[in-house]
Amino acid sequence: MIIQVISAFIATAAFSILFYLPRKYLILAGMAGAAGWFLYLLLMNLLEDKTYATLCATLVVALVSHILARRNKTPVTMFLIPGIIPLVPGAGMYYIAHSVFNNNIDLAVHYFFETFKIAGAIAFGIFIMDTIFRAIKEKKVREPGK
């Protein structure tokens, strides 16, 4: 498990380079991706539900990304996009294509819905955390005296 978390850190940091993230933020982005992957692995060992594990891991990545963005006065996307890379269901897309090319439509449909649920969990997790942070920000704007 430790090797996978370290690999997620390296993969996230490497993708951050492709995303032209400033060098001083590479380690922080890697930590966001590693934190999400750690929770994903932990929940997969406990519950064996990819969709739920992905949703919870995305919530963690989004939370860490929002905190890092505010702390470093940068856009959230600088940490969020690289941070979700380990969670993106690339293998599912491969299995869909492989099943279609091997004329196994039932398996392709299975992988399609599984991949669709995982992608939806990622989008929903980002949406939930963004909504929470927007609500907090609006509350602070409405109550300037506190």
C-alpha atoms as a PDB file:
ATOM      1  CA  MET A   1       0.000   0.000   0.000  1.00  0.00           C
ATOM      2  CA  ILE A   2       2.848   2.393   0.817  1.00  0.00           C
ATOM      3  CA  ILE A   3       4.387   1.791  -2.614  1.00  0.00           C
ATOM      4  CA  GLN A   4       1.078   2.649  -4.282  1.00  0.00           C
ATOM      5  CA  VAL A   5       0.725   5.877  -2.284  1.00  0.00           C
ATOM      6  CA  ILE A   6       4.296   6.883  -3.162  1.00  0.00           C
ATOM      7  CA  SER A   7       3.572   6.025  -6.799  1.00  0.00           C
ATOM      8  CA  ALA A   8       0.431   8.185  -6.696  1.00  0.00           C
ATOM      9  CA  PHE A   9       2.519  11.037  -5.277  1.00  0.00           C
ATOM     10  CA  ILE A  10       5.064  10.688  -8.092  1.00  0.00           C
ATOM     11  CA  ALA A  11       2.374  10.356 -10.773  1.00  0.00           C
ATOM     12  CA  THR A  12       0.553  13.427  -9.497  1.00  0.00           C
ATOM     13  CA  ALA A  13       3.736  15.479  -9.325  1.00  0.00           C
ATOM     14  CA  ALA A  14       4.750  14.303 -12.810  1.00  0.00           C
ATOM     15  CA  PHE A  15       1.359  15.246 -14.237  1.00  0.00           C
ATOM     16  CA  SER A  16       1.677  18.604 -12.504  1.00  0.00           C
ATOM     17  CA  ILE A  17       4.782  19.244 -14.602  1.00  0.00           C
ATOM     18  CA  LEU A  18       2.738  18.595 -17.755  1.00  0.00           C
ATOM     19  CA  PHE A  19       0.104  20.968 -16.358  1.00  0.00           C
ATOM     20  CA  TYR A  20       2.836  23.655 -16.023  1.00  0.00           C
ATOM     21  CA  LEU A  21       2.385  23.901 -12.292  1.00  0.00           C
ATOM     22  CA  PRO A  22       5.096  26.116 -10.741  1.00  0.00           C
ATOM     23  CA  ARG A  23       7.916  24.063  -9.293  1.00  0.00           C
ATOM     24  CA  LYS A  24       7.269  25.269  -5.745  1.00  0.00           C
ATOM     25  CA  TYR A  25       3.803  23.632  -5.796  1.00  0.00           C
ATOM     26  CA  LEU A  26       4.782  20.201  -7.183  1.00  0.00           C
ATOM     27  CA  ILE A  27       5.209  18.573  -3.774  1.00  0.00           C
ATOM     28  CA  LEU A  28       1.918  20.026  -2.519  1.00  0.00           C
ATOM     29  CA  ALA A  29       0.039  18.759  -5.561  1.00  0.00           C
ATOM     30  CA  GLY A  30       1.692  15.363  -5.137  1.00  0.00           C
ATOM     31  CA  MET A  31       0.548  15.276  -1.529  1.00  0.00           C
ATOM     32  CA  ALA A  32      -3.051  15.994  -2.596  1.00  0.00           C
ATOM     33  CA  GLY A  33      -2.982  13.082  -5.057  1.00  0.00           C
ATOM     34  CA  ALA A  34      -1.299  10.769  -2.559  1.00  0.00           C
ATOM     35  CA  ALA A  35      -3.830  11.633   0.164  1.00  0.00           C
ATOM     36  CA  GLY A  36      -6.718  10.839  -2.154  1.00  0.00           C
ATOM     37  CA  TRP A  37      -5.167   7.582  -3.306  1.00  0.00           C
ATOM     38  CA  PHE A  38      -4.398   6.547   0.281  1.00  0.00           C
ATOM     39  CA  LEU A  39      -8.042   6.981   1.274  1.00  0.00           C
ATOM     40  CA  TYR A  40      -9.172   5.191  -1.894  1.00  0.00           C
ATOM     41  CA  LEU A  41      -7.000   2.162  -1.090  1.00  0.00           C
ATOM     42  CA  LEU A  42      -8.090   2.166   2.534  1.00  0.00           C
ATOM     43  CA  LEU A  43     -11.786   2.221   1.628  1.00  0.00           C
ATOM     44  CA  MET A  44     -11.335  -0.395  -1.095  1.00  0.00           C
ATOM     45  CA  ASN A  45      -9.783  -2.729   1.495  1.00  0.00           C
ATOM     46  CA  LEU A  46     -12.662  -2.105   3.904  1.00  0.00           C
ATOM     47  CA  LEU A  47     -15.714  -1.829   1.633  1.00  0.00           C
ATOM     48  CA  GLU A  48     -14.688  -2.997  -1.854  1.00  0.00           C
ATOM     49  CA  ASP A  49     -16.955  -0.386  -3.492  1.00  0.00           C
ATOM     50  CA  LYS A  50     -15.085   1.562  -6.165  1.00  0.00           C
ATOM     51  CA  THR A  51     -17.699   4.272  -6.540  1.00  0.00           C
ATOM     52  CA  TYR A  52     -17.939   5.073  -2.828  1.00  0.00           C
ATOM     53  CA  ALA A  53     -14.164   4.900  -2.387  1.00  0.00           C
ATOM     54  CA  THR A  54     -13.680   7.251  -5.343  1.00  0.00           C
ATOM     55  CA  LEU A  55     -16.275   9.709  -4.021  1.00  0.00           C
ATOM     56  CA  CYS A  56     -14.659   9.862  -0.583  1.00  0.00           C
ATOM     57  CA  ALA A  57     -11.157  10.117  -2.037  1.00  0.00           C
ATOM     58  CA  THR A  58     -12.273  12.919  -4.349  1.00  0.00           C
ATOM     59  CA  LEU A  59     -13.754  14.776  -1.383  1.00  0.00           C
ATOM     60  CA  VAL A  60     -10.378  14.554   0.353  1.00  0.00           C
ATOM     61  CA  VAL A  61      -8.486  15.713  -2.752  1.00  0.00           C
ATOM     62  CA  ALA A  62     -10.908  18.609  -3.221  1.00  0.00           C
ATOM     63  CA  LEU A  63     -10.683  19.580   0.464  1.00  0.00           C
ATOM     64  CA  VAL A  64      -6.882  19.501   0.432  1.00  0.00           C
ATOM     65  CA  SER A  65      -6.864  21.431  -2.864  1.00  0.00           C
ATOM     66  CA  HIS A  66      -9.113  24.168  -1.489  1.00  0.00           C
ATOM     67  CA  ILE A  67      -7.015  24.496   1.652  1.00  0.00           C
ATOM     68  CA  LEU A  68      -3.746  24.597  -0.289  1.00  0.00           C
ATOM     69  CA  ALA A  69      -5.162  27.095  -2.780  1.00  0.00           C
ATOM     70  CA  ARG A  70      -6.257  29.487  -0.066  1.00  0.00           C
ATOM     71  CA  ARG A  71      -3.028  29.086   1.856  1.00  0.00           C
ATOM     72  CA  ASN A  72      -0.888  29.747  -1.238  1.00  0.00           C
ATOM     73  CA  LYS A  73      -3.266  32.259  -2.868  1.00  0.00           C
ATOM     74  CA  THR A  74      -3.568  30.225  -6.069  1.00  0.00           C
ATOM     75  CA  PRO A  75      -6.508  28.831  -8.046  1.00  0.00           C
ATOM     76  CA  VAL A  76      -7.946  25.578  -6.715  1.00  0.00           C
ATOM     77  CA  THR A  77      -7.476  23.909 -10.090  1.00  0.00           C
ATOM     78  CA  MET A  78      -3.703  24.034  -9.653  1.00  0.00           C
ATOM     79  CA  PHE A  79      -3.979  21.299  -7.033  1.00  0.00           C
ATOM     80  CA  LEU A  80      -7.334  19.734  -7.880  1.00  0.00           C
ATOM     81  CA  ILE A  81      -6.717  18.660 -11.473  1.00  0.00           C
ATOM     82  CA  PRO A  82      -3.378  16.939 -10.790  1.00  0.00           C
ATOM     83  CA  GLY A  83      -4.743  15.570  -7.500  1.00  0.00           C
ATOM     84  CA  ILE A  84      -7.577  13.613  -9.111  1.00  0.00           C
ATOM     85  CA  ILE A  85      -5.340  11.989 -11.739  1.00  0.00           C
ATOM     86  CA  PRO A  86      -4.784   8.790  -9.698  1.00  0.00           C
ATOM     87  CA  LEU A  87      -8.565   8.424  -9.356  1.00  0.00           C
ATOM     88  CA  VAL A  88      -9.466   8.846 -13.031  1.00  0.00           C
ATOM     89  CA  PRO A  89     -10.783   5.525 -14.402  1.00  0.00           C
ATOM     90  CA  GLY A  90      -8.360   5.121 -17.305  1.00  0.00           C
ATOM     91  CA  ALA A  91      -8.238   1.353 -16.896  1.00  0.00           C
ATOM     92  CA  GLY A  92     -12.019   1.244 -17.205  1.00  0.00           C
ATOM     93  CA  MET A  93     -11.840   3.043 -20.534  1.00  0.00           C
ATOM     94  CA  TYR A  94      -9.220   0.564 -21.711  1.00  0.00           C
ATOM     95  CA  TYR A  95     -11.401  -2.390 -20.658  1.00  0.00           C
ATOM     96  CA  ILE A  96     -14.384  -0.917 -22.506  1.00  0.00           C
ATOM     97  CA  ALA A  97     -12.394  -0.608 -25.719  1.00  0.00           C
ATOM     98  CA  HIS A  98     -10.810  -4.034 -25.262  1.00  0.00           C
ATOM     99  CA  SER A  99     -14.201  -5.666 -24.706  1.00  0.00           C
ATOM    100  CA  VAL A 100     -15.704  -3.955 -27.748  1.00  0.00           C
ATOM    101  CA  PHE A 101     -12.816  -5.006 -29.980  1.00  0.00           C
ATOM    102  CA  ASN A 102     -13.134  -8.576 -28.704  1.00  0.00           C
ATOM    103  CA  ASN A 103     -16.865  -8.474 -29.459  1.00  0.00           C
ATOM    104  CA  ASN A 104     -17.832  -8.970 -25.815  1.00  0.00           C
ATOM    105  CA  ILE A 105     -20.588  -6.380 -25.611  1.00  0.00           C
ATOM    106  CA  ASP A 106     -21.948  -7.532 -22.234  1.00  0.00           C
ATOM    107  CA  LEU A 107     -18.574  -6.995 -20.598  1.00  0.00           C
ATOM    108  CA  ALA A 108     -18.166  -3.667 -22.409  1.00  0.00           C
ATOM    109  CA  VAL A 109     -21.515  -2.485 -21.035  1.00  0.00           C
ATOM    110  CA  HIS A 110     -20.500  -3.591 -17.536  1.00  0.00           C
ATOM    111  CA  TYR A 111     -17.222  -1.644 -17.715  1.00  0.00           C
ATOM    112  CA  PHE A 112     -18.986   1.338 -19.271  1.00  0.00           C
ATOM    113  CA  PHE A 113     -21.414   1.700 -16.366  1.00  0.00           C
ATOM    114  CA  GLU A 114     -18.703   1.098 -13.794  1.00  0.00           C
ATOM    115  CA  THR A 115     -16.487   3.751 -15.419  1.00  0.00           C
ATOM    116  CA  PHE A 116     -19.436   6.130 -15.735  1.00  0.00           C
ATOM    117  CA  LYS A 117     -20.237   5.747 -12.011  1.00  0.00           C
ATOM    118  CA  ILE A 118     -16.617   6.397 -11.051  1.00  0.00           C
ATOM    119  CA  ALA A 119     -16.397   9.478 -13.277  1.00  0.00           C
ATOM    120  CA  GLY A 120     -19.682  10.692 -11.815  1.00  0.00           C
ATOM    121  CA  ALA A 121     -18.365  10.151  -8.288  1.00  0.00           C
ATOM    122  CA  ILE A 122     -15.330  12.307  -9.127  1.00  0.00           C
ATOM    123  CA  ALA A 123     -17.522  15.084 -10.521  1.00  0.00           C
ATOM    124  CA  PHE A 124     -19.943  14.864  -7.593  1.00  0.00           C
ATOM    125  CA  GLY A 125     -17.139  14.959  -5.018  1.00  0.00           C
ATOM    126  CA  ILE A 126     -15.657  18.075  -6.600  1.00  0.00           C
ATOM    127  CA  PHE A 127     -19.112  19.663  -6.747  1.00  0.00           C
ATOM    128  CA  ILE A 128     -19.871  18.911  -3.090  1.00  0.00           C
ATOM    129  CA  MET A 129     -16.614  20.346  -1.785  1.00  0.00           C
ATOM    130  CA  ASP A 130     -16.794  23.393  -4.055  1.00  0.00           C
ATOM    131  CA  THR A 131     -20.346  24.052  -2.848  1.00  0.00           C
ATOM    132  CA  ILE A 132     -19.261  23.813   0.787  1.00  0.00           C
ATOM    133  CA  PHE A 133     -16.408  26.269   0.273  1.00  0.00           C
ATOM    134  CA  ARG A 134     -18.645  28.677  -1.657  1.00  0.00           C
ATOM    135  CA  ALA A 135     -21.204  28.583   1.160  1.00  0.00           C
ATOM    136  CA  ILE A 136     -18.483  29.324   3.717  1.00  0.00           C
ATOM    137  CA  LYS A 137     -17.203  32.205   1.593  1.00  0.00           C
ATOM    138  CA  GLU A 138     -20.696  33.672   1.178  1.00  0.00           C
ATOM    139  CA  LYS A 139     -21.312  33.396   4.908  1.00  0.00           C
ATOM    140  CA  LYS A 140     -18.110  35.349   5.600  1.00  0.00           C
ATOM    141  CA  VAL A 141     -19.143  38.044   3.108  1.00  0.00           C
ATOM    142  CA  ARG A 142     -22.593  38.398   4.744  1.00  0.00           C
ATOM    143  CA  GLU A 143     -21.132  38.631   8.244  1.00  0.00           C
ATOM    144  CA  PRO A 144     -18.153  41.011   7.874  1.00  0.00           C
ATOM    145  CA  GLY A 145     -18.069  41.935  11.588  1.00  0.00           C
ATOM    146  CA  LYS A 146     -17.088  38.467  12.743  1.00  0.00           C
END
